[in-house]
Every structure is written in C-alpha cells, then in structure tokens.
Amino acid sequence: MLNFDFVLLHVADPVASAGFYSDILGKPVLQSRPGFAMLPLSDAVTLGLWLAADVAPGGGGKPGASEISFDVADVPALEQIYSAWNARGLPILTEPVEMPFGHTFVASDPDGHRIRVVASTRT
C-alpha cells in the first residue's frame, strides 16, 4: 500500500520559498540549503521545495500549474486567513467565494503556485 507523505514544488529559490511558507503557515523549516528546503504541512505530510534548475528529470510545468490546499474549520477562519494574507500582500487569485466543495479563496506563492484555503461543506 502507498502512503502519501510528501508534496514537491519546483521553485526559483528554495530558501526564500521555505521562508515564505514558514511565515504564512507558522511551520518551522526542517531543512534549508541553496538547492532544496522542506517544512511540514501536517503531522503526516511534508512540503519539499526543489530548485527548478536542478530538477531531474527536468520538468515542463508552468507557474500556477500546481496547487496545494488547506482545509479550515469554518468560514470565519477562512475569512481571517484571507484578511491576513491579503494584508501581507500575497497575490489573491480568487476572492472568497462559495464553490460546490465549500467556501474558498486562492492565493499565489512567489513562484506562481496556487494556495487554496477551503472551509469544506462536507456532508
């Protein structure tokens, strides 16, 4: 059986990207060096940030083609995060809106990867 435990994004500057994600998520950087950095997304999943120029085999993805998503407890929690990220100047790609899967908004990291926050409407 496969166990999902790692998300890897190709970035221009792993150290800067680790600082960005550590800052907005309030998570510690576990490893940081010029070509690679990582930090926890949850107790079970780690985010890896690999220097795009060093990726082997080379990738052909475009900025914004990747998206990571975070679930929050409710709409007020989502609105609080939205306000904080907007105040920090994160590019907001989608303002808070109701979608079939929940209330959501989308921001962008410095490399154009999408960061979605969702207050799920699980039933």
PDB file of N, CA and C in Angstrom:
ATOM      1  N   MET A   1       0.829  -1.167   0.000  1.00  0.00           N
ATOM      2  CA  MET A   1       0.000   0.000   0.000  1.00  0.00           C
ATOM      3  C   MET A   1       0.885   1.245   0.000  1.00  0.00           C
ATOM      4  N   LEU A   2       0.474   2.257  -0.750  1.00  0.00           N
ATOM      5  CA  LEU A   2       1.211   3.519  -0.808  1.00  0.00           C
ATOM      6  C   LEU A   2       0.751   4.443   0.312  1.00  0.00           C
ATOM      7  N   ASN A   3       1.688   5.210   0.856  1.00  0.00           N
ATOM      8  CA  ASN A   3       1.394   6.149   1.933  1.00  0.00           C
ATOM      9  C   ASN A   3       1.785   7.548   1.474  1.00  0.00           C
ATOM     10  N   PHE A   4       0.795   8.432   1.295  1.00  0.00           N
ATOM     11  CA  PHE A   4       1.061   9.802   0.859  1.00  0.00           C
ATOM     12  C   PHE A   4       1.703  10.591   1.996  1.00  0.00           C
ATOM     13  N   ASP A   5       2.919  11.148   1.741  1.00  0.00           N
ATOM     14  CA  ASP A   5       3.595  11.884   2.800  1.00  0.00           C
ATOM     15  C   ASP A   5       4.425  13.073   2.330  1.00  0.00           C
ATOM     16  N   PHE A   6       4.397  13.406   1.023  1.00  0.00           N
ATOM     17  CA  PHE A   6       5.303  14.434   0.537  1.00  0.00           C
ATOM     18  C   PHE A   6       4.715  15.141  -0.674  1.00  0.00           C
ATOM     19  N   VAL A   7       4.812  16.468  -0.704  1.00  0.00           N
ATOM     20  CA  VAL A   7       4.456  17.289  -1.853  1.00  0.00           C
ATOM     21  C   VAL A   7       5.726  18.027  -2.252  1.00  0.00           C
ATOM     22  N   LEU A   8       6.049  18.021  -3.529  1.00  0.00           N
ATOM     23  CA  LEU A   8       7.270  18.665  -4.015  1.00  0.00           C
ATOM     24  C   LEU A   8       6.914  19.730  -5.042  1.00  0.00           C
ATOM     25  N   LEU A   9       7.375  20.953  -4.794  1.00  0.00           N
ATOM     26  CA  LEU A   9       7.195  22.048  -5.741  1.00  0.00           C
ATOM     27  C   LEU A   9       8.551  22.459  -6.297  1.00  0.00           C
ATOM     28  N   HIS A  10       8.594  22.753  -7.582  1.00  0.00           N
ATOM     29  CA  HIS A  10       9.803  23.257  -8.222  1.00  0.00           C
ATOM     30  C   HIS A  10       9.763  24.778  -8.103  1.00  0.00           C
ATOM     31  N   VAL A  11      10.816  25.362  -7.556  1.00  0.00           N
ATOM     32  CA  VAL A  11      10.824  26.795  -7.247  1.00  0.00           C
ATOM     33  C   VAL A  11      12.125  27.453  -7.711  1.00  0.00           C
ATOM     34  N   ALA A  12      12.102  28.762  -7.798  1.00  0.00           N
ATOM     35  CA  ALA A  12      13.285  29.523  -8.213  1.00  0.00           C
ATOM     36  C   ALA A  12      14.312  29.643  -7.098  1.00  0.00           C
ATOM     37  N   ASP A  13      13.867  29.702  -5.844  1.00  0.00           N
ATOM     38  CA  ASP A  13      14.764  29.897  -4.709  1.00  0.00           C
ATOM     39  C   ASP A  13      14.211  29.121  -3.508  1.00  0.00           C
ATOM     40  N   PRO A  14      14.677  27.881  -3.280  1.00  0.00           N
ATOM     41  CA  PRO A  14      14.143  27.061  -2.192  1.00  0.00           C
ATOM     42  C   PRO A  14      14.229  27.715  -0.814  1.00  0.00           C
ATOM     43  N   VAL A  15      15.304  28.403  -0.519  1.00  0.00           N
ATOM     44  CA  VAL A  15      15.449  29.033   0.794  1.00  0.00           C
ATOM     45  C   VAL A  15      14.404  30.139   0.972  1.00  0.00           C
ATOM     46  N   ALA A  16      14.235  30.980  -0.043  1.00  0.00           N
ATOM     47  CA  ALA A  16      13.231  32.048   0.028  1.00  0.00           C
ATOM     48  C   ALA A  16      11.822  31.456   0.096  1.00  0.00           C
ATOM     49  N   SER A  17      11.556  30.424  -0.682  1.00  0.00           N
ATOM     50  CA  SER A  17      10.241  29.785  -0.666  1.00  0.00           C
ATOM     51  C   SER A  17       9.954  29.147   0.683  1.00  0.00           C
ATOM     52  N   ALA A  18      10.964  28.539   1.297  1.00  0.00           N
ATOM     53  CA  ALA A  18      10.782  27.949   2.631  1.00  0.00           C
ATOM     54  C   ALA A  18      10.435  29.039   3.642  1.00  0.00           C
ATOM     55  N   GLY A  19      11.103  30.181   3.544  1.00  0.00           N
ATOM     56  CA  GLY A  19      10.779  31.294   4.428  1.00  0.00           C
ATOM     57  C   GLY A  19       9.360  31.788   4.219  1.00  0.00           C
ATOM     58  N   PHE A  20       8.936  31.870   2.959  1.00  0.00           N
ATOM     59  CA  PHE A  20       7.575  32.294   2.628  1.00  0.00           C
ATOM     60  C   PHE A  20       6.552  31.344   3.252  1.00  0.00           C
ATOM     61  N   TYR A  21       6.704  30.038   3.002  1.00  0.00           N
ATOM     62  CA  TYR A  21       5.740  29.067   3.520  1.00  0.00           C
ATOM     63  C   TYR A  21       5.798  28.978   5.049  1.00  0.00           C
ATOM     64  N   SER A  22       6.970  29.050   5.622  1.00  0.00           N
ATOM     65  CA  SER A  22       7.092  29.031   7.075  1.00  0.00           C
ATOM     66  C   SER A  22       6.340  30.214   7.682  1.00  0.00           C
ATOM     67  N   ASP A  23       6.470  31.363   7.057  1.00  0.00           N
ATOM     68  CA  ASP A  23       5.827  32.576   7.549  1.00  0.00           C
ATOM     69  C   ASP A  23       4.306  32.486   7.461  1.00  0.00           C
ATOM     70  N   ILE A  24       3.757  32.089   6.304  1.00  0.00           N
ATOM     71  CA  ILE A  24       2.298  32.098   6.168  1.00  0.00           C
ATOM     72  C   ILE A  24       1.635  30.920   6.874  1.00  0.00           C
ATOM     73  N   LEU A  25       2.358  29.812   7.045  1.00  0.00           N
ATOM     74  CA  LEU A  25       1.766  28.634   7.686  1.00  0.00           C
ATOM     75  C   LEU A  25       2.109  28.511   9.166  1.00  0.00           C
ATOM     76  N   GLY A  26       3.099  29.283   9.615  1.00  0.00           N
ATOM     77  CA  GLY A  26       3.517  29.180  11.009  1.00  0.00           C
ATOM     78  C   GLY A  26       4.162  27.842  11.316  1.00  0.00           C
ATOM     79  N   LYS A  27       4.858  27.269  10.332  1.00  0.00           N
ATOM     80  CA  LYS A  27       5.524  25.969  10.488  1.00  0.00           C
ATOM     81  C   LYS A  27       7.035  26.170  10.398  1.00  0.00           C
ATOM     82  N   PRO A  28       7.808  25.376  11.145  1.00  0.00           N
ATOM     83  CA  PRO A  28       9.264  25.519  11.105  1.00  0.00           C
ATOM     84  C   PRO A  28       9.867  24.914   9.840  1.00  0.00           C
ATOM     85  N   VAL A  29      10.918  25.500   9.364  1.00  0.00           N
ATOM     86  CA  VAL A  29      11.669  24.923   8.251  1.00  0.00           C
ATOM     87  C   VAL A  29      12.491  23.769   8.815  1.00  0.00           C
ATOM     88  N   LEU A  30      12.352  22.587   8.232  1.00  0.00           N
ATOM     89  CA  LEU A  30      13.077  21.407   8.701  1.00  0.00           C
ATOM     90  C   LEU A  30      14.474  21.313   8.102  1.00  0.00           C
ATOM     91  N   GLN A  31      14.585  21.763   6.859  1.00  0.00           N
ATOM     92  CA  GLN A  31      15.859  21.683   6.139  1.00  0.00           C
ATOM     93  C   GLN A  31      15.889  22.826   5.144  1.00  0.00           C
ATOM     94  N   SER A  32      17.009  23.506   5.036  1.00  0.00           N
ATOM     95  CA  SER A  32      17.114  24.617   4.109  1.00  0.00           C
ATOM     96  C   SER A  32      18.553  24.756   3.641  1.00  0.00           C
ATOM     97  N   ARG A  33      18.739  24.623   2.351  1.00  0.00           N
ATOM     98  CA  ARG A  33      20.047  24.846   1.732  1.00  0.00           C
ATOM     99  C   ARG A  33      19.776  25.381   0.329  1.00  0.00           C
ATOM    100  N   PRO A  34      20.762  25.896  -0.367  1.00  0.00           N
ATOM    101  CA  PRO A  34      20.505  26.565  -1.644  1.00  0.00           C
ATOM    102  C   PRO A  34      19.681  25.772  -2.668  1.00  0.00           C
ATOM    103  N   GLY A  35      19.817  24.467  -2.745  1.00  0.00           N
ATOM    104  CA  GLY A  35      19.099  23.711  -3.777  1.00  0.00           C
ATOM    105  C   GLY A  35      17.843  23.019  -3.324  1.00  0.00           C
ATOM    106  N   PHE A  36      17.585  22.984  -2.000  1.00  0.00           N
ATOM    107  CA  PHE A  36      16.441  22.228  -1.505  1.00  0.00           C
ATOM    108  C   PHE A  36      16.078  22.686  -0.098  1.00  0.00           C
ATOM    109  N   ALA A  37      14.795  22.709   0.171  1.00  0.00           N
ATOM    110  CA  ALA A  37      14.303  23.020   1.516  1.00  0.00           C
ATOM    111  C   ALA A  37      13.017  22.243   1.745  1.00  0.00           C
ATOM    112  N   MET A  38      12.662  22.056   3.038  1.00  0.00           N
ATOM    113  CA  MET A  38      11.386  21.399   3.324  1.00  0.00           C
ATOM    114  C   MET A  38      10.858  21.818   4.681  1.00  0.00           C
ATOM    115  N   LEU A  39       9.536  21.701   4.821  1.00  0.00           N
ATOM    116  CA  LEU A  39       8.863  22.003   6.070  1.00  0.00           C
ATOM    117  C   LEU A  39       7.584  21.177   6.146  1.00  0.00           C
ATOM    118  N   PRO A  40       7.055  20.980   7.352  1.00  0.00           N
ATOM    119  CA  PRO A  40       5.863  20.156   7.489  1.00  0.00           C
ATOM    120  C   PRO A  40       4.612  20.918   7.045  1.00  0.00           C
ATOM    121  N   LEU A  41       3.720  20.215   6.338  1.00  0.00           N
ATOM    122  CA  LEU A  41       2.397  20.758   6.055  1.00  0.00           C
ATOM    123  C   LEU A  41       1.413  20.292   7.121  1.00  0.00           C
ATOM    124  N   SER A  42       1.654  19.076   7.615  1.00  0.00           N
ATOM    125  CA  SER A  42       0.836  18.486   8.675  1.00  0.00           C
ATOM    126  C   SER A  42       1.713  17.474   9.400  1.00  0.00           C
ATOM    127  N   ASP A  43       1.131  16.740  10.332  1.00  0.00           N
ATOM    128  CA  ASP A  43       1.901  15.705  11.029  1.00  0.00           C
ATOM    129  C   ASP A  43       2.357  14.608  10.076  1.00  0.00           C
ATOM    130  N   ALA A  44       1.628  14.408   8.976  1.00  0.00           N
ATOM    131  CA  ALA A  44       1.917  13.293   8.072  1.00  0.00           C
ATOM    132  C   ALA A  44       2.497  13.710   6.721  1.00  0.00           C
ATOM    133  N   VAL A  45       2.409  14.990   6.366  1.00  0.00           N
ATOM    134  CA  VAL A  45       2.812  15.423   5.023  1.00  0.00           C
ATOM    135  C   VAL A  45       3.841  16.544   5.116  1.00  0.00           C
ATOM    136  N   THR A  46       4.900  16.417   4.321  1.00  0.00           N
ATOM    137  CA  THR A  46       5.981  17.399   4.259  1.00  0.00           C
ATOM    138  C   THR A  46       5.971  18.082   2.895  1.00  0.00           C
ATOM    139  N   LEU A  47       6.291  19.378   2.882  1.00  0.00           N
ATOM    140  CA  LEU A  47       6.428  20.137   1.646  1.00  0.00           C
ATOM    141  C   LEU A  47       7.899  20.246   1.296  1.00  0.00           C
ATOM    142  N   GLY A  48       8.264  19.775   0.103  1.00  0.00           N
ATOM    143  CA  GLY A  48       9.623  19.915  -0.397  1.00  0.00           C
ATOM    144  C   GLY A  48       9.666  21.027  -1.433  1.00  0.00           C
ATOM    145  N   LEU A  49      10.742  21.784  -1.433  1.00  0.00           N
ATOM    146  CA  LEU A  49      10.928  22.899  -2.356  1.00  0.00           C
ATOM    147  C   LEU A  49      12.273  22.704  -3.043  1.00  0.00           C
ATOM    148  N   TRP A  50      12.237  22.338  -4.322  1.00  0.00           N
ATOM    149  CA  TRP A  50      13.435  21.955  -5.058  1.00  0.00           C
ATOM    150  C   TRP A  50      13.760  23.020  -6.093  1.00  0.00           C
ATOM    151  N   LEU A  51      15.014  23.399  -6.184  1.00  0.00           N
ATOM    152  CA  LEU A  51      15.462  24.372  -7.170  1.00  0.00           C
ATOM    153  C   LEU A  51      15.095  23.877  -8.566  1.00  0.00           C
ATOM    154  N   ALA A  52      14.243  24.624  -9.270  1.00  0.00           N
ATOM    155  CA  ALA A  52      13.719  24.188 -10.569  1.00  0.00           C
ATOM    156  C   ALA A  52      14.831  23.852 -11.560  1.00  0.00           C
ATOM    157  N   ALA A  53      15.925  24.602 -11.532  1.00  0.00           N
ATOM    158  CA  ALA A  53      17.029  24.366 -12.467  1.00  0.00           C
ATOM    159  C   ALA A  53      17.735  23.042 -12.205  1.00  0.00           C
ATOM    160  N   ASP A  54      17.584  22.471 -10.996  1.00  0.00           N
ATOM    161  CA  ASP A  54      18.253  21.222 -10.636  1.00  0.00           C
ATOM    162  C   ASP A  54      17.364  19.986 -10.748  1.00  0.00           C
ATOM    163  N   VAL A  55      16.083  20.164 -11.032  1.00  0.00           N
ATOM    164  CA  VAL A  55      15.146  19.042 -11.071  1.00  0.00           C
ATOM    165  C   VAL A  55      15.568  18.036 -12.128  1.00  0.00           C
ATOM    166  N   ALA A  56      15.616  16.770 -11.722  1.00  0.00           N
ATOM    167  CA  ALA A  56      15.996  15.705 -12.650  1.00  0.00           C
ATOM    168  C   ALA A  56      14.974  14.575 -12.564  1.00  0.00           C
ATOM    169  N   PRO A  57      14.369  14.176 -13.657  1.00  0.00           N
ATOM    170  CA  PRO A  57      14.461  14.829 -14.967  1.00  0.00           C
ATOM    171  C   PRO A  57      13.757  16.178 -14.934  1.00  0.00           C
ATOM    172  N   GLY A  58      14.187  17.054 -15.812  1.00  0.00           N
ATOM    173  CA  GLY A  58      13.640  18.404 -15.859  1.00  0.00           C
ATOM    174  C   GLY A  58      12.136  18.399 -16.065  1.00  0.00           C
ATOM    175  N   GLY A  59      11.462  19.314 -15.410  1.00  0.00           N
ATOM    176  CA  GLY A  59      10.013  19.420 -15.539  1.00  0.00           C
ATOM    177  C   GLY A  59       9.635  20.441 -16.588  1.00  0.00           C
ATOM    178  N   GLY A  60       8.439  20.316 -17.087  1.00  0.00           N
ATOM    179  CA  GLY A  60       7.954  21.250 -18.098  1.00  0.00           C
ATOM    180  C   GLY A  60       6.765  22.048 -17.621  1.00  0.00           C
ATOM    181  N   GLY A  61       6.491  22.007 -16.307  1.00  0.00           N
ATOM    182  CA  GLY A  61       5.331  22.711 -15.772  1.00  0.00           C
ATOM    183  C   GLY A  61       5.495  24.220 -15.822  1.00  0.00           C
ATOM    184  N   LYS A  62       4.379  24.871 -15.872  1.00  0.00           N
ATOM    185  CA  LYS A  62       4.345  26.329 -15.882  1.00  0.00           C
ATOM    186  C   LYS A  62       3.914  26.840 -14.510  1.00  0.00           C
ATOM    187  N   PRO A  63       4.338  28.054 -14.117  1.00  0.00           N
ATOM    188  CA  PRO A  63       3.872  28.614 -12.850  1.00  0.00           C
ATOM    189  C   PRO A  63       2.352  28.629 -12.793  1.00  0.00           C
ATOM    190  N   GLY A  64       1.819  28.276 -11.640  1.00  0.00           N
ATOM    191  CA  GLY A  64       0.376  28.242 -11.459  1.00  0.00           C
ATOM    192  C   GLY A  64      -0.246  26.917 -11.814  1.00  0.00           C
ATOM    193  N   ALA A  65       0.553  25.983 -12.341  1.00  0.00           N
ATOM    194  CA  ALA A  65       0.016  24.681 -12.718  1.00  0.00           C
ATOM    195  C   ALA A  65      -0.149  23.777 -11.507  1.00  0.00           C
ATOM    196  N   SER A  66       0.509  24.092 -10.405  1.00  0.00           N
ATOM    197  CA  SER A  66       0.409  23.292  -9.184  1.00  0.00           C
ATOM    198  C   SER A  66      -0.446  24.024  -8.162  1.00  0.00           C
ATOM    199  N   GLU A  67      -1.151  23.239  -7.339  1.00  0.00           N
ATOM    200  CA  GLU A  67      -1.986  23.826  -6.302  1.00  0.00           C
ATOM    201  C   GLU A  67      -1.924  22.956  -5.063  1.00  0.00           C
ATOM    202  N   ILE A  68      -1.738  23.595  -3.914  1.00  0.00           N
ATOM    203  CA  ILE A  68      -1.854  22.884  -2.648  1.00  0.00           C
ATOM    204  C   ILE A  68      -3.055  23.492  -1.927  1.00  0.00           C
ATOM    205  N   SER A  69      -3.721  22.672  -1.125  1.00  0.00           N
ATOM    206  CA  SER A  69      -4.955  23.108  -0.498  1.00  0.00           C
ATOM    207  C   SER A  69      -4.927  22.826   0.994  1.00  0.00           C
ATOM    208  N   PHE A  70      -5.506  23.749   1.755  1.00  0.00           N
ATOM    209  CA  PHE A  70      -5.596  23.618   3.200  1.00  0.00           C
ATOM    210  C   PHE A  70      -7.050  23.755   3.613  1.00  0.00           C
ATOM    211  N   ASP A  71      -7.502  22.858   4.456  1.00  0.00           N
ATOM    212  CA  ASP A  71      -8.857  22.879   4.973  1.00  0.00           C
ATOM    213  C   ASP A  71      -8.873  23.621   6.303  1.00  0.00           C
ATOM    214  N   VAL A  72      -9.879  24.463   6.512  1.00  0.00           N
ATOM    215  CA  VAL A  72     -10.055  25.162   7.787  1.00  0.00           C
ATOM    216  C   VAL A  72     -11.421  24.814   8.360  1.00  0.00           C
ATOM    217  N   ALA A  73     -11.617  25.120   9.636  1.00  0.00           N
ATOM    218  CA  ALA A  73     -12.805  24.687  10.362  1.00  0.00           C
ATOM    219  C   ALA A  73     -14.103  25.290   9.839  1.00  0.00           C
ATOM    220  N   ASP A  74     -14.061  26.583   9.461  1.00  0.00           N
ATOM    221  CA  ASP A  74     -15.310  27.245   9.096  1.00  0.00           C
ATOM    222  C   ASP A  74     -15.013  28.518   8.296  1.00  0.00           C
ATOM    223  N   VAL A  75     -16.089  29.164   7.838  1.00  0.00           N
ATOM    224  CA  VAL A  75     -15.938  30.374   7.024  1.00  0.00           C
ATOM    225  C   VAL A  75     -15.259  31.503   7.792  1.00  0.00           C
ATOM    226  N   PRO A  76     -15.579  31.753   9.075  1.00  0.00           N
ATOM    227  CA  PRO A  76     -14.853  32.814   9.792  1.00  0.00           C
ATOM    228  C   PRO A  76     -13.333  32.564   9.835  1.00  0.00           C
ATOM    229  N   ALA A  77     -12.910  31.315  10.000  1.00  0.00           N
ATOM    230  CA  ALA A  77     -11.472  31.005   9.983  1.00  0.00           C
ATOM    231  C   ALA A  77     -10.880  31.305   8.609  1.00  0.00           C
ATOM    232  N   LEU A  78     -11.602  30.951   7.558  1.00  0.00           N
ATOM    233  CA  LEU A  78     -11.152  31.232   6.192  1.00  0.00           C
ATOM    234  C   LEU A  78     -11.029  32.735   5.981  1.00  0.00           C
ATOM    235  N   GLU A  79     -12.024  33.484   6.405  1.00  0.00           N
ATOM    236  CA  GLU A  79     -12.003  34.944   6.228  1.00  0.00           C
ATOM    237  C   GLU A  79     -10.838  35.582   6.990  1.00  0.00           C
ATOM    238  N   GLN A  80     -10.513  35.042   8.164  1.00  0.00           N
ATOM    239  CA  GLN A  80      -9.392  35.560   8.944  1.00  0.00           C
ATOM    240  C   GLN A  80      -8.069  35.341   8.205  1.00  0.00           C
ATOM    241  N   ILE A  81      -7.878  34.156   7.650  1.00  0.00           N
ATOM    242  CA  ILE A  81      -6.656  33.863   6.887  1.00  0.00           C
ATOM    243  C   ILE A  81      -6.603  34.728   5.639  1.00  0.00           C
ATOM    244  N   TYR A  82      -7.732  34.831   4.942  1.00  0.00           N
ATOM    245  CA  TYR A  82      -7.790  35.671   3.745  1.00  0.00           C
ATOM    246  C   TYR A  82      -7.358  37.103   4.075  1.00  0.00           C
ATOM    247  N   SER A  83      -7.918  37.665   5.140  1.00  0.00           N
ATOM    248  CA  SER A  83      -7.584  39.048   5.526  1.00  0.00           C
ATOM    249  C   SER A  83      -6.102  39.194   5.863  1.00  0.00           C
ATOM    250  N   ALA A  84      -5.558  38.226   6.605  1.00  0.00           N
ATOM    251  CA  ALA A  84      -4.139  38.281   6.985  1.00  0.00           C
ATOM    252  C   ALA A  84      -3.241  38.185   5.754  1.00  0.00           C
ATOM    253  N   TRP A  85      -3.532  37.246   4.857  1.00  0.00           N
ATOM    254  CA  TRP A  85      -2.699  37.088   3.663  1.00  0.00           C
ATOM    255  C   TRP A  85      -2.838  38.282   2.736  1.00  0.00           C
ATOM    256  N   ASN A  86      -4.037  38.805   2.595  1.00  0.00           N
ATOM    257  CA  ASN A  86      -4.258  39.977   1.751  1.00  0.00           C
ATOM    258  C   ASN A  86      -3.482  41.167   2.311  1.00  0.00           C
ATOM    259  N   ALA A  87      -3.509  41.348   3.640  1.00  0.00           N
ATOM    260  CA  ALA A  87      -2.773  42.445   4.279  1.00  0.00           C
ATOM    261  C   ALA A  87      -1.265  42.307   4.088  1.00  0.00           C
ATOM    262  N   ARG A  88      -0.780  41.068   3.977  1.00  0.00           N
ATOM    263  CA  ARG A  88       0.651  40.827   3.750  1.00  0.00           C
ATOM    264  C   ARG A  88       1.051  41.066   2.300  1.00  0.00           C
ATOM    265  N   GLY A  89       0.068  41.220   1.434  1.00  0.00           N
ATOM    266  CA  GLY A  89       0.354  41.469   0.027  1.00  0.00           C
ATOM    267  C   GLY A  89       0.472  40.229  -0.827  1.00  0.00           C
ATOM    268  N   LEU A  90       0.018  39.068  -0.316  1.00  0.00           N
ATOM    269  CA  LEU A  90       0.035  37.872  -1.161  1.00  0.00           C
ATOM    270  C   LEU A  90      -0.888  38.109  -2.351  1.00  0.00           C
ATOM    271  N   PRO A  91      -0.469  37.705  -3.547  1.00  0.00           N
ATOM    272  CA  PRO A  91      -1.376  37.827  -4.688  1.00  0.00           C
ATOM    273  C   PRO A  91      -2.609  36.953  -4.450  1.00  0.00           C
ATOM    274  N   ILE A  92      -3.785  37.549  -4.521  1.00  0.00           N
ATOM    275  CA  ILE A  92      -5.040  36.825  -4.362  1.00  0.00           C
ATOM    276  C   ILE A  92      -5.585  36.562  -5.764  1.00  0.00           C
ATOM    277  N   LEU A  93      -5.691  35.281  -6.122  1.00  0.00           N
ATOM    278  CA  LEU A  93      -6.155  34.901  -7.455  1.00  0.00           C
ATOM    279  C   LEU A  93      -7.671  34.747  -7.507  1.00  0.00           C
ATOM    280  N   THR A  94      -8.271  34.330  -6.398  1.00  0.00           N
ATOM    281  CA  THR A  94      -9.718  34.193  -6.299  1.00  0.00           C
ATOM    282  C   THR A  94     -10.154  34.714  -4.938  1.00  0.00           C
ATOM    283  N   GLU A  95     -11.006  35.707  -4.931  1.00  0.00           N
ATOM    284  CA  GLU A  95     -11.576  36.233  -3.688  1.00  0.00           C
ATOM    285  C   GLU A  95     -12.442  35.143  -3.044  1.00  0.00           C
ATOM    286  N   PRO A  96     -12.724  35.234  -1.743  1.00  0.00           N
ATOM    287  CA  PRO A  96     -13.573  34.234  -1.110  1.00  0.00           C
ATOM    288  C   PRO A  96     -14.907  34.081  -1.850  1.00  0.00           C
ATOM    289  N   VAL A  97     -15.245  32.823  -2.116  1.00  0.00           N
ATOM    290  CA  VAL A  97     -16.436  32.516  -2.913  1.00  0.00           C
ATOM    291  C   VAL A  97     -16.942  31.128  -2.520  1.00  0.00           C
ATOM    292  N   GLU A  98     -18.219  30.910  -2.704  1.00  0.00           N
ATOM    293  CA  GLU A  98     -18.810  29.596  -2.455  1.00  0.00           C
ATOM    294  C   GLU A  98     -18.661  28.748  -3.717  1.00  0.00           C
ATOM    295  N   MET A  99     -18.129  27.538  -3.553  1.00  0.00           N
ATOM    296  CA  MET A  99     -17.975  26.570  -4.640  1.00  0.00           C
ATOM    297  C   MET A  99     -18.698  25.284  -4.226  1.00  0.00           C
ATOM    298  N   PRO A 100     -18.868  24.329  -5.126  1.00  0.00           N
ATOM    299  CA  PRO A 100     -19.572  23.094  -4.766  1.00  0.00           C
ATOM    300  C   PRO A 100     -18.933  22.332  -3.596  1.00  0.00           C
ATOM    301  N   PHE A 101     -17.645  22.502  -3.377  1.00  0.00           N
ATOM    302  CA  PHE A 101     -16.931  21.767  -2.328  1.00  0.00           C
ATOM    303  C   PHE A 101     -16.744  22.576  -1.052  1.00  0.00           C
ATOM    304  N   GLY A 102     -17.160  23.850  -1.047  1.00  0.00           N
ATOM    305  CA  GLY A 102     -17.031  24.672   0.149  1.00  0.00           C
ATOM    306  C   GLY A 102     -16.726  26.123  -0.171  1.00  0.00           C
ATOM    307  N   HIS A 103     -16.600  26.924   0.865  1.00  0.00           N
ATOM    308  CA  HIS A 103     -16.218  28.329   0.726  1.00  0.00           C
ATOM    309  C   HIS A 103     -14.702  28.359   0.565  1.00  0.00           C
ATOM    310  N   THR A 104     -14.189  29.115  -0.389  1.00  0.00           N
ATOM    311  CA  THR A 104     -12.767  29.032  -0.724  1.00  0.00           C
ATOM    312  C   THR A 104     -12.221  30.358  -1.231  1.00  0.00           C
ATOM    313  N   PHE A 105     -10.890  30.484  -1.149  1.00  0.00           N
ATOM    314  CA  PHE A 105     -10.163  31.528  -1.868  1.00  0.00           C
ATOM    315  C   PHE A 105      -8.829  30.938  -2.295  1.00  0.00           C
ATOM    316  N   VAL A 106      -8.176  31.592  -3.262  1.00  0.00           N
ATOM    317  CA  VAL A 106      -6.893  31.114  -3.777  1.00  0.00           C
ATOM    318  C   VAL A 106      -5.906  32.271  -3.797  1.00  0.00           C
ATOM    319  N   ALA A 107      -4.723  32.015  -3.231  1.00  0.00           N
ATOM    320  CA  ALA A 107      -3.606  32.967  -3.276  1.00  0.00           C
ATOM    321  C   ALA A 107      -2.489  32.335  -4.105  1.00  0.00           C
ATOM    322  N   SER A 108      -1.409  33.070  -4.275  1.00  0.00           N
ATOM    323  CA  SER A 108      -0.277  32.577  -5.057  1.00  0.00           C
ATOM    324  C   SER A 108       1.010  32.759  -4.266  1.00  0.00           C
ATOM    325  N   ASP A 109       1.927  31.776  -4.426  1.00  0.00           N
ATOM    326  CA  ASP A 109       3.247  31.919  -3.808  1.00  0.00           C
ATOM    327  C   ASP A 109       4.162  32.672  -4.774  1.00  0.00           C
ATOM    328  N   PRO A 110       5.403  32.972  -4.395  1.00  0.00           N
ATOM    329  CA  PRO A 110       6.296  33.744  -5.270  1.00  0.00           C
ATOM    330  C   PRO A 110       6.594  33.085  -6.620  1.00  0.00           C
ATOM    331  N   ASP A 111       6.415  31.757  -6.719  1.00  0.00           N
ATOM    332  CA  ASP A 111       6.662  31.062  -7.985  1.00  0.00           C
ATOM    333  C   ASP A 111       5.399  30.865  -8.807  1.00  0.00           C
ATOM    334  N   GLY A 112       4.261  31.353  -8.325  1.00  0.00           N
ATOM    335  CA  GLY A 112       3.008  31.223  -9.057  1.00  0.00           C
ATOM    336  C   GLY A 112       2.204  29.977  -8.714  1.00  0.00           C
ATOM    337  N   HIS A 113       2.698  29.157  -7.765  1.00  0.00           N
ATOM    338  CA  HIS A 113       1.918  28.001  -7.337  1.00  0.00           C
ATOM    339  C   HIS A 113       0.697  28.499  -6.575  1.00  0.00           C
ATOM    340  N   ARG A 114      -0.436  27.837  -6.780  1.00  0.00           N
ATOM    341  CA  ARG A 114      -1.679  28.243  -6.133  1.00  0.00           C
ATOM    342  C   ARG A 114      -1.778  27.652  -4.731  1.00  0.00           C
ATOM    343  N   ILE A 115      -2.273  28.465  -3.803  1.00  0.00           N
ATOM    344  CA  ILE A 115      -2.515  28.027  -2.426  1.00  0.00           C
ATOM    345  C   ILE A 115      -4.005  28.241  -2.167  1.00  0.00           C
ATOM    346  N   ARG A 116      -4.737  27.139  -2.073  1.00  0.00           N
ATOM    347  CA  ARG A 116      -6.183  27.216  -1.856  1.00  0.00           C
ATOM    348  C   ARG A 116      -6.487  26.975  -0.379  1.00  0.00           C
ATOM    349  N   VAL A 117      -7.403  27.761   0.164  1.00  0.00           N
ATOM    350  CA  VAL A 117      -7.917  27.560   1.514  1.00  0.00           C
ATOM    351  C   VAL A 117      -9.413  27.283   1.369  1.00  0.00           C
ATOM    352  N   VAL A 118      -9.881  26.219   2.057  1.00  0.00           N
ATOM    353  CA  VAL A 118     -11.269  25.789   1.918  1.00  0.00           C
ATOM    354  C   VAL A 118     -11.906  25.560   3.286  1.00  0.00           C
ATOM    355  N   ALA A 119     -13.088  26.101   3.460  1.00  0.00           N
ATOM    356  CA  ALA A 119     -13.946  25.738   4.580  1.00  0.00           C
ATOM    357  C   ALA A 119     -14.954  24.754   3.983  1.00  0.00           C
ATOM    358  N   SER A 120     -14.697  23.468   4.159  1.00  0.00           N
ATOM    359  CA  SER A 120     -15.463  22.416   3.495  1.00  0.00           C
ATOM    360  C   SER A 120     -16.922  22.401   3.911  1.00  0.00           C
ATOM    361  N   THR A 121     -17.728  21.956   2.978  1.00  0.00           N
ATOM    362  CA  THR A 121     -19.145  21.711   3.247  1.00  0.00           C
ATOM    363  C   THR A 121     -19.398  20.217   3.191  1.00  0.00           C
ATOM    364  N   ARG A 122     -18.562  19.469   3.920  1.00  0.00           N
ATOM    365  CA  ARG A 122     -18.688  18.009   3.930  1.00  0.00           C
ATOM    366  C   ARG A 122     -20.001  17.599   4.562  1.00  0.00           C
ATOM    367  N   THR A 123     -20.633  16.631   3.935  1.00  0.00           N
ATOM    368  CA  THR A 123     -21.874  16.107   4.492  1.00  0.00           C
ATOM    369  C   THR A 123     -21.793  14.614   4.660  1.00  0.00           C
TER     370      THR A 123
END
